[in-house]
Amino acid sequence: MAHAEVPDDALSNANFQRMYDEKISERAYSIANTDGEGSGAHKPGDPRWVKPVRARTRLPAPDGGCAAWSMVAGAFVVMMHSSSMLYITGIFYVAWLDEWPNESRAAVAGAGSISSTVMFACAYFSGRLQYQWKSQGAVVALGAVLASSGLLAASYAKTLVQLYFSYALMGFGHAFSFTPCPVLVSTWFTSRTGAALGVTTAGASVGTIYLSILASLLIQSSGWRVAFRWLAVLTLVRFW
């Protein structure tokens, strides 16, 4: 079967991808419903008839170039502000102990554990949305809104239980931003996939360092509630 010619400017074109899929599907349907002896296609009702199924064939990856590495840069920035937000929870620990002096240290520290658990537990739903929407960018945008909402809600928490629910919402949002990044980057590379993914995931480490410093400065100058509000704005803006 001859491969369809892929124009350079159509690598990321959804319409071209759809037409390419339909061509593959038509060819597969034609082969499946022919007995190979020249008698023609099988008809519906014939036990040999095969229901046409739309094929999904990935176009060749660019494997580098300005567009591919710009995707890596964007994913790097997203990773800087997704899981890193959960890793800097300890920066707020002392402020929370002062806010809720009657709560145990373990109970106060539980917020960070809840958010991490929710983020990784909900990665399945992120994958399902990526498959259904066929757009990692839309899933990341949804995660930005949810995570930012969780941070904003945490800044108004009056009880530890409210903080737990706020952090759970933040973790749920980051599940939709953390997971799609490696998936998206991997579709732009073949031989350099390892290097591209290494740069992408390094964003989480870089983000942990710089967000720790930023959060500390915000807590010292304005308090932990205002710090959360600024981080909520940063979380929303950096995704867009």
Foldseek 3Di string as FASTA:
>chain_A
DDQDDDDPVCLPPPVVQQVNQVVVQVVVQQVQQDPPPPPGGHDPVPPSHDDGDGDHDHDAAQADDDVLVVLLVLLLLLLLQFVLVLVLLVLCLVVVCVLCVVDDSVLSVVLSVLLQVLLVVCLVVLVVCCVVVVDLLVLLLQLLVQLLQLLLQCLVDNDSVSNNVSSSSNSNSSSSSNNCSLVVSCSNRDPCSVVSVVSSNVSNVVSNVVLNVQQNVCCVPPRNSVSSNVSSVVSNVSSD
